[in-house]
Protein backbone atom coordinates (compact mmCIF):
# COMPACT_ATOMS: atom_id res chain seq x y z
CA MET A 1 -17.24 -6.71 -13.61
CA LEU A 2 -16.32 -3.04 -13.41
CA THR A 3 -13.18 -1.77 -15.12
CA LEU A 4 -11.35 1.41 -14.20
CA ILE A 5 -8.78 2.61 -16.73
CA LYS A 6 -6.38 5.02 -15.03
CA ASN A 7 -4.17 7.78 -16.42
CA ALA A 8 -5.32 7.56 -20.04
CA HIS A 9 -4.34 10.32 -22.46
CA VAL A 10 -7.78 10.54 -24.06
CA PHE A 11 -8.61 11.49 -27.63
CA ALA A 12 -12.39 11.27 -27.58
CA PRO A 13 -11.58 12.04 -30.47
CA GLN A 14 -11.27 15.55 -28.98
CA ALA A 15 -8.11 15.90 -26.90
CA PHE A 16 -9.25 15.64 -23.26
CA GLY A 17 -5.81 15.21 -21.71
CA LYS A 18 -5.27 12.75 -18.87
CA GLN A 19 -8.51 11.08 -17.76
CA ASP A 20 -9.74 8.03 -15.87
CA ILE A 21 -12.46 5.94 -17.52
CA LEU A 22 -14.91 3.73 -15.67
CA ILE A 23 -16.60 0.95 -17.67
CA SER A 24 -19.80 -0.65 -16.39
CA HIS A 25 -22.30 -2.89 -18.21
CA GLY A 26 -20.63 -2.21 -21.57
CA ARG A 27 -20.85 1.58 -21.28
CA ILE A 28 -18.75 4.52 -20.14
CA ALA A 29 -20.03 5.06 -16.60
CA ALA A 30 -17.65 7.88 -15.62
CA LEU A 31 -14.96 10.02 -17.22
CA ALA A 32 -12.93 12.44 -15.12
CA PRO A 33 -9.31 13.50 -14.45
CA GLU A 34 -9.25 11.39 -11.29
CA LEU A 35 -11.60 8.60 -10.27
CA ASN A 36 -11.04 6.60 -7.08
CA PHE A 37 -13.34 3.77 -6.11
CA THR A 38 -13.27 0.88 -3.67
CA LEU A 39 -15.80 -1.51 -5.12
CA PRO A 40 -16.12 -5.28 -5.27
CA GLN A 41 -15.16 -6.84 -8.59
CA LEU A 42 -13.41 -3.66 -9.73
CA GLU A 43 -10.47 -4.26 -12.07
CA VAL A 44 -8.02 -1.35 -12.23
CA ILE A 45 -5.78 -0.99 -15.29
CA ASP A 46 -3.12 1.72 -15.36
CA VAL A 47 -2.28 2.95 -18.88
CA GLU A 48 0.09 5.74 -17.87
CA GLY A 49 1.83 7.21 -20.94
CA MET A 50 -0.64 5.66 -23.40
CA ASN A 51 -3.21 7.18 -25.74
CA VAL A 52 -6.86 6.06 -25.71
CA THR A 53 -9.26 6.62 -28.60
CA PRO A 54 -12.77 5.39 -29.40
CA GLY A 55 -12.98 1.98 -31.05
CA LEU A 56 -12.56 2.23 -34.81
CA ILE A 57 -15.45 2.05 -37.28
CA ASP A 58 -15.16 0.48 -40.73
CA GLN A 59 -18.29 1.49 -42.65
CA HIS A 60 -17.53 -0.50 -45.83
CA ILE A 61 -16.12 -4.01 -45.47
CA HIS A 62 -16.85 -7.37 -47.10
CA ILE A 63 -17.25 -9.41 -43.94
CA ILE A 64 -18.44 -12.52 -45.85
CA GLY A 65 -15.91 -11.99 -48.62
CA ALA A 66 -16.68 -10.91 -52.15
CA GLY A 67 -17.14 -12.41 -55.57
CA GLY A 68 -13.89 -12.54 -57.48
CA LYS A 69 -12.92 -11.48 -60.97
CA ASP A 70 -11.62 -14.83 -62.14
CA GLY A 71 -14.39 -17.32 -61.48
CA PHE A 72 -15.29 -19.21 -58.32
CA LEU A 73 -11.68 -19.78 -57.31
CA SER A 74 -11.16 -16.04 -56.92
CA MET A 75 -13.96 -15.50 -54.39
CA THR A 76 -12.53 -13.97 -51.22
CA PRO A 77 -13.02 -15.49 -47.75
CA GLU A 78 -14.88 -14.26 -44.68
CA ILE A 79 -13.23 -11.95 -42.19
CA GLN A 80 -12.91 -13.18 -38.61
CA ALA A 81 -13.65 -11.11 -35.50
CA SER A 82 -10.11 -11.57 -34.20
CA GLU A 83 -8.75 -10.05 -37.42
CA LEU A 84 -10.92 -6.96 -36.99
CA VAL A 85 -9.87 -6.56 -33.36
CA ALA A 86 -6.19 -6.78 -34.34
CA CYS A 87 -6.51 -3.52 -36.27
CA GLY A 88 -8.72 -1.77 -33.72
CA THR A 89 -12.04 -2.20 -35.54
CA THR A 90 -14.85 -2.63 -33.01
CA THR A 91 -17.72 -1.68 -35.35
CA ALA A 92 -18.04 -3.07 -38.88
CA VAL A 93 -20.66 -2.45 -41.56
CA GLY A 94 -20.89 -5.39 -43.95
CA LEU A 95 -22.11 -5.29 -47.54
CA LEU A 96 -22.30 -7.13 -50.83
CA GLY A 97 -20.48 -6.09 -53.99
CA THR A 98 -20.81 -7.16 -57.60
CA ASP A 99 -21.84 -10.64 -56.57
CA GLY A 100 -25.36 -10.83 -55.18
CA THR A 101 -25.78 -14.45 -56.19
CA ALA A 102 -23.15 -16.67 -54.60
CA LYS A 103 -22.72 -14.07 -51.85
CA ASN A 104 -26.27 -13.50 -50.65
CA ILE A 105 -28.00 -11.06 -48.32
CA ARG A 106 -29.09 -13.63 -45.73
CA ALA A 107 -25.55 -14.94 -45.37
CA LEU A 108 -24.47 -11.35 -44.79
CA TYR A 109 -27.09 -10.97 -42.04
CA ALA A 110 -25.92 -14.23 -40.43
CA LYS A 111 -22.32 -12.98 -40.37
CA VAL A 112 -23.40 -9.69 -38.79
CA GLN A 113 -25.07 -11.65 -36.00
CA SER A 114 -22.03 -13.90 -35.64
CA LEU A 115 -19.74 -10.90 -35.10
CA ARG A 116 -22.19 -9.55 -32.53
CA GLN A 117 -22.16 -12.84 -30.65
CA GLU A 118 -18.36 -12.59 -30.51
CA GLY A 119 -18.65 -9.22 -28.81
CA LEU A 120 -18.20 -6.72 -31.65
CA SER A 121 -20.75 -4.30 -33.09
CA ALA A 122 -21.85 -5.09 -36.62
CA TYR A 123 -24.36 -3.65 -39.07
CA MET A 124 -25.16 -4.04 -42.76
CA TYR A 125 -26.58 -2.52 -45.90
CA SER A 126 -29.20 -4.21 -48.01
CA GLY A 127 -28.57 -4.25 -51.75
CA TYR A 128 -25.53 -4.76 -53.96
CA TYR A 129 -24.36 -3.22 -57.25
CA GLY A 130 -27.66 -3.75 -59.05
CA ILE A 131 -30.84 -1.67 -59.21
CA ASP A 132 -32.78 -4.81 -58.19
CA THR A 133 -31.98 -4.21 -54.52
CA LEU A 134 -31.46 -7.43 -52.58
CA THR A 135 -33.39 -7.36 -49.31
CA ILE A 136 -34.14 -9.69 -46.40
CA THR A 137 -37.83 -8.73 -46.34
CA GLU A 138 -39.93 -7.44 -49.23
CA SER A 139 -38.41 -3.95 -49.49
CA ILE A 140 -35.68 -1.55 -48.40
CA GLN A 141 -38.16 0.24 -46.18
CA SER A 142 -39.30 -2.88 -44.35
CA ASP A 143 -35.68 -4.07 -43.97
CA MET A 144 -34.94 -0.84 -42.15
CA VAL A 145 -38.04 -1.11 -39.99
CA PHE A 146 -37.93 -4.80 -39.09
CA VAL A 147 -34.24 -5.80 -39.40
CA GLU A 148 -32.34 -3.94 -36.69
CA PRO A 149 -28.79 -4.19 -38.15
CA VAL A 150 -29.83 -2.71 -41.55
CA LEU A 151 -28.77 0.95 -41.82
CA GLY A 152 -29.74 1.54 -45.45
CA PHE A 153 -28.88 0.09 -48.83
CA LYS A 154 -25.98 -0.04 -51.26
CA ILE A 155 -25.96 0.54 -55.01
CA ALA A 156 -23.34 1.19 -57.72
CA ILE A 157 -23.15 4.01 -60.26
CA SER A 158 -20.67 5.00 -62.97
CA ASP A 159 -19.36 1.45 -63.16
CA ILE A 160 -19.52 -0.99 -66.08
CA ARG A 161 -20.86 -3.56 -63.57
CA SER A 162 -23.66 -1.28 -62.34
CA SER A 163 -27.25 -1.09 -63.60
CA TYR A 164 -26.82 2.53 -64.77
CA PRO A 165 -29.60 3.78 -62.46
CA THR A 166 -31.29 7.07 -63.28
CA SER A 167 -31.76 9.86 -60.77
CA LEU A 168 -35.51 9.15 -60.71
CA GLU A 169 -34.90 5.49 -59.86
CA LEU A 170 -32.49 6.49 -57.10
CA VAL A 171 -34.71 9.15 -55.56
CA ARG A 172 -37.53 6.60 -55.27
CA LYS A 173 -35.18 4.27 -53.39
CA LEU A 174 -34.00 7.15 -51.25
CA ARG A 175 -37.60 7.77 -50.27
CA GLU A 176 -37.71 4.20 -48.90
CA VAL A 177 -34.52 4.80 -46.94
CA ARG A 178 -35.76 8.04 -45.44
CA VAL A 179 -39.23 6.80 -44.51
CA GLY A 180 -37.78 3.53 -43.22
CA GLY A 181 -35.39 5.54 -41.10
CA LEU A 182 -38.17 7.71 -39.70
CA LEU A 183 -40.22 4.66 -38.73
CA SER A 184 -37.30 2.81 -37.15
CA ASN A 185 -35.46 5.79 -35.59
CA LYS A 186 -32.46 5.32 -37.87
CA LYS A 187 -30.74 7.94 -39.98
CA GLY A 188 -31.01 5.92 -43.21
CA ILE A 189 -28.42 6.18 -45.95
CA MET A 190 -27.89 5.19 -49.55
CA HIS A 191 -24.30 3.95 -49.73
CA VAL A 192 -23.03 4.50 -53.27
CA HIS A 193 -20.18 2.61 -54.95
CA LEU A 194 -18.48 4.89 -57.48
CA GLY A 195 -16.78 3.43 -60.53
CA ASN A 196 -14.47 5.11 -63.03
CA LEU A 197 -16.89 5.91 -65.87
CA PRO A 198 -16.98 9.56 -67.08
CA SER A 199 -20.43 10.11 -65.54
CA GLN A 200 -18.75 10.05 -62.10
CA MET A 201 -21.09 11.61 -59.46
CA ASP A 202 -23.38 13.49 -61.85
CA VAL A 203 -26.51 11.58 -60.83
CA LEU A 204 -25.86 12.30 -57.15
CA PHE A 205 -25.68 16.04 -57.80
CA ASP A 206 -28.96 15.70 -59.67
CA LEU A 207 -30.55 14.14 -56.58
CA VAL A 208 -29.43 17.07 -54.42
CA LYS A 209 -29.91 19.96 -56.82
CA THR A 210 -32.89 18.91 -58.97
CA TYR A 211 -34.84 16.73 -56.52
CA GLN A 212 -33.74 18.65 -53.41
CA PHE A 213 -33.11 15.41 -51.53
CA PRO A 214 -31.28 15.94 -48.22
CA ILE A 215 -27.61 15.31 -48.90
CA GLU A 216 -26.95 13.66 -45.53
CA HIS A 217 -28.75 10.50 -46.70
CA ILE A 218 -26.34 10.01 -49.64
CA SER A 219 -23.02 8.35 -48.83
CA PRO A 220 -20.59 8.04 -51.79
CA THR A 221 -17.54 5.80 -51.41
CA HIS A 222 -14.35 5.13 -53.42
CA VAL A 223 -14.15 8.89 -54.04
CA GLY A 224 -10.34 8.73 -54.20
CA ARG A 225 -10.37 6.37 -57.19
CA THR A 226 -9.19 9.00 -59.71
CA THR A 227 -8.07 12.62 -59.60
CA SER A 228 -11.10 13.96 -61.46
CA LEU A 229 -13.54 11.94 -59.34
CA PHE A 230 -11.95 13.26 -56.16
CA GLU A 231 -12.25 16.84 -57.38
CA GLN A 232 -15.97 16.29 -57.92
CA ALA A 233 -16.26 14.63 -54.50
CA LEU A 234 -14.78 17.73 -52.88
CA GLU A 235 -17.58 19.77 -54.45
CA PHE A 236 -20.08 17.29 -52.97
CA ALA A 237 -18.46 17.68 -49.54
CA GLN A 238 -18.61 21.48 -49.78
CA LEU A 239 -22.37 21.14 -50.30
CA GLY A 240 -22.50 19.42 -46.91
CA GLY A 241 -22.13 15.78 -47.95
CA SER A 242 -19.91 13.14 -46.38
CA ILE A 243 -17.36 11.53 -48.72
CA ASP A 244 -15.64 8.20 -48.06
CA ILE A 245 -12.01 7.56 -49.06
CA THR A 246 -11.10 3.89 -49.52
CA THR A 247 -7.85 2.77 -47.89
CA GLY A 248 -7.61 -0.85 -49.10
CA ALA A 249 -8.22 -0.34 -52.84
CA SER A 250 -9.45 2.14 -55.48
CA LYS A 251 -6.98 4.95 -54.85
CA TYR A 252 -4.99 7.22 -57.15
CA ILE A 253 -2.68 8.39 -54.32
CA ASP A 254 -2.17 7.38 -50.71
CA PRO A 255 -5.43 8.07 -48.86
CA HIS A 256 -3.84 10.27 -46.22
CA GLN A 257 -2.51 12.46 -49.02
CA SER A 258 -6.06 12.76 -50.34
CA VAL A 259 -7.13 14.06 -46.93
CA LEU A 260 -4.37 16.66 -46.90
CA TYR A 261 -5.40 17.82 -50.38
CA ALA A 262 -9.06 18.08 -49.33
CA LEU A 263 -8.15 20.17 -46.29
CA GLU A 264 -5.98 22.40 -48.47
CA LYS A 265 -9.01 22.96 -50.72
CA GLY A 266 -11.08 24.09 -47.75
CA VAL A 267 -13.11 20.94 -47.06
CA ALA A 268 -13.90 20.51 -43.35
CA ILE A 269 -12.40 17.37 -41.87
CA ASP A 270 -15.79 16.32 -40.47
CA ARG A 271 -16.93 15.77 -44.09
CA LEU A 272 -14.30 13.02 -44.63
CA THR A 273 -14.21 9.36 -43.67
CA PHE A 274 -11.97 6.35 -44.29
CA SER A 275 -13.21 2.80 -44.95
CA SER A 276 -11.24 -0.26 -46.01
CA ASP A 277 -13.30 -2.10 -48.66
CA GLY A 278 -11.61 -5.04 -46.94
CA HIS A 279 -11.69 -8.42 -48.73
CA ALA A 280 -13.00 -6.90 -51.95
CA GLY A 281 -11.87 -9.01 -54.88
CA LEU A 282 -8.96 -7.40 -56.71
CA THR A 283 -7.28 -8.20 -59.99
CA PRO A 284 -3.80 -9.51 -59.13
CA LYS A 285 -0.93 -7.57 -60.66
CA THR A 286 0.78 -10.86 -61.48
CA ALA A 287 -1.65 -13.76 -61.83
CA THR A 288 -0.16 -17.24 -61.64
CA HIS A 289 -1.58 -20.73 -61.53
CA GLU A 290 -1.20 -20.66 -57.74
CA ASN A 291 -2.57 -17.14 -57.30
CA HIS A 292 -5.87 -16.50 -59.05
CA PHE A 293 -7.13 -13.75 -56.75
CA ALA A 294 -6.16 -10.91 -54.48
CA LYS A 295 -8.15 -9.42 -51.64
CA ALA A 296 -8.18 -5.84 -50.41
CA PRO A 297 -6.62 -5.43 -46.95
CA PHE A 298 -8.85 -4.35 -44.06
CA ASP A 299 -6.13 -2.98 -41.74
CA GLN A 300 -5.29 0.18 -43.68
CA ASN A 301 -7.75 2.57 -42.00
CA LEU A 302 -5.59 2.77 -38.89
CA PHE A 303 -2.38 2.74 -40.93
CA GLU A 304 -3.48 5.76 -42.99
CA VAL A 305 -4.59 7.68 -39.89
CA ILE A 306 -1.18 7.13 -38.31
CA GLN A 307 0.51 8.23 -41.54
CA LEU A 308 -1.61 11.37 -41.39
CA ILE A 309 -0.47 12.05 -37.82
CA LYS A 310 3.16 11.51 -38.81
CA THR A 311 2.96 14.34 -41.35
CA GLN A 312 2.45 16.67 -38.33
CA LEU A 313 0.02 18.63 -40.48
CA VAL A 314 -3.02 17.12 -38.77
CA SER A 315 -3.48 16.57 -35.03
CA PRO A 316 -4.30 13.11 -33.64
CA GLU A 317 -7.77 14.31 -32.62
CA GLN A 318 -8.49 15.43 -36.20
CA ALA A 319 -6.98 12.32 -37.79
CA PHE A 320 -8.96 9.88 -35.64
CA GLN A 321 -12.22 11.60 -36.57
CA LEU A 322 -11.91 9.85 -39.95
CA ILE A 323 -12.44 6.42 -38.40
CA THR A 324 -14.44 7.24 -35.25
CA SER A 325 -16.85 10.18 -34.92
CA ASN A 326 -17.19 10.98 -38.64
CA PRO A 327 -18.39 7.51 -39.74
CA ALA A 328 -20.57 7.31 -36.62
CA ASP A 329 -22.27 10.54 -37.67
CA ASN A 330 -22.56 9.41 -41.29
CA LEU A 331 -24.19 6.14 -40.22
CA GLY A 332 -26.33 7.68 -37.49
CA LEU A 333 -24.77 5.53 -34.74
CA LYS A 334 -25.29 7.74 -31.70
CA ASN A 335 -23.56 5.43 -29.20
CA LYS A 336 -20.41 4.92 -31.28
CA GLY A 337 -17.36 6.87 -32.35
CA ARG A 338 -16.79 8.91 -29.19
CA ILE A 339 -15.66 8.55 -25.60
CA ALA A 340 -18.38 10.15 -23.50
CA LEU A 341 -20.60 9.38 -20.53
CA GLY A 342 -23.24 6.78 -21.38
CA LEU A 343 -21.83 5.75 -24.76
CA ASP A 344 -20.69 2.23 -25.65
CA ALA A 345 -17.31 1.37 -24.14
CA ASP A 346 -15.43 0.77 -27.40
CA LEU A 347 -11.82 1.78 -26.74
CA CYS A 348 -8.39 1.44 -28.35
CA VAL A 349 -5.21 1.87 -26.29
CA PHE A 350 -2.02 2.88 -28.11
CA ASP A 351 1.52 3.34 -26.89
CA SER A 352 3.33 6.64 -27.45
CA GLU A 353 4.30 5.54 -30.99
CA TRP A 354 0.66 4.75 -31.87
CA LYS A 355 1.15 1.00 -31.79
CA LEU A 356 -2.11 -0.69 -30.80
CA GLN A 357 -1.95 -2.49 -27.45
CA ASN A 358 -5.40 -3.10 -25.95
CA VAL A 359 -8.96 -3.02 -27.31
CA TRP A 360 -12.31 -2.97 -25.52
CA ALA A 361 -15.51 -3.72 -27.45
CA ASN A 362 -18.81 -3.04 -25.71
CA GLY A 363 -16.95 -3.01 -22.40
CA ASN A 364 -15.17 -6.35 -22.91
CA LEU A 365 -11.40 -6.61 -23.26
CA VAL A 366 -10.92 -8.26 -26.67
CA MET A 367 -7.23 -7.49 -27.24
CA LYS A 368 -4.51 -7.42 -24.59
CA GLU A 369 -0.89 -6.40 -25.10
CA GLY A 370 -1.22 -6.69 -28.87
CA GLN A 371 -2.87 -10.13 -28.86
CA PRO A 372 -6.56 -10.62 -29.73
CA LEU A 373 -8.44 -12.58 -27.08
CA LEU A 374 -11.21 -13.70 -29.44
CA PRO A 375 -10.86 -17.16 -31.02
CA GLN A 376 -9.88 -17.18 -34.67
CA ILE A 377 -12.25 -19.64 -36.28
CA PHE A 378 -10.77 -22.02 -38.86
CA SER A 379 -7.28 -20.56 -38.49
């Protein structure tokens, strides 16, 4: 089946104006102001007056749920593919959190493959909060070489639940990431959970300044947790690093306001990303017998981007970078995050008010007129 999308106002995320998009075999086969074909099995869809962006990327989401903060009852559930599609997410990167015991690395891998079988793109990080990195094979390096969905590993710093890793311990793990990436043709990143301890990002600056480790392999998240942490994160971004602002939890102000502040301070927008931390276990504000847990939402990436557009201080093409091309670059996903010839046909179609209408994932229509077409398991 070939699909021709006509009269799309394309943000690729660059503003390309009105374009036609031809999808073939899951990829963008043609992109031009006017495409006219007479081909068998060609489906033509006219989206006159609508905006089309790349499919959205969530680079930090608990796809198998997370361990809770109030015993087993507070563990959060898995996220279904139809739920991701409903908020425009076509690429998800799953991870573990505090809990590397009940929520294990092989279950995470199985969920990644499940989402892929349902038509989405999914990846994962090895590891969890601890220094004893959880892996599928015998090491981070071999995970990256032999397990295709693994993009790097996750660890926590400056958190009471972390292992308080030293810069020397981290640089040795970073060596595994970098060599594993070289051998497997992946970028390789260390994805770093930041807590609220006074040490903040000090160890990460030590990696860059003392050990001279390339900053592009270090990916700190939850940088908008506190005012002082965000100020330090801006310094990291000005050194050339990518900083990740969480939209579903761990925020001292609304995430789109954090972006505006960063831009005001001179940080380039291509240094900033959003991720949801979706289904992370949260402490409920009002715990009752019936409500022992709360889970972070996973639909706030798109919400915050639209809020950013509504301020009229940032253009749609800049705002959508936060959840398309910027995370793709941070993760090293060369076929994602942009609308261009030969790239994966992950597309979101919005009406003029930026309400999501249709979604394509790897060339397949997975949401039509606001309704996901994927089955919602165990609904």
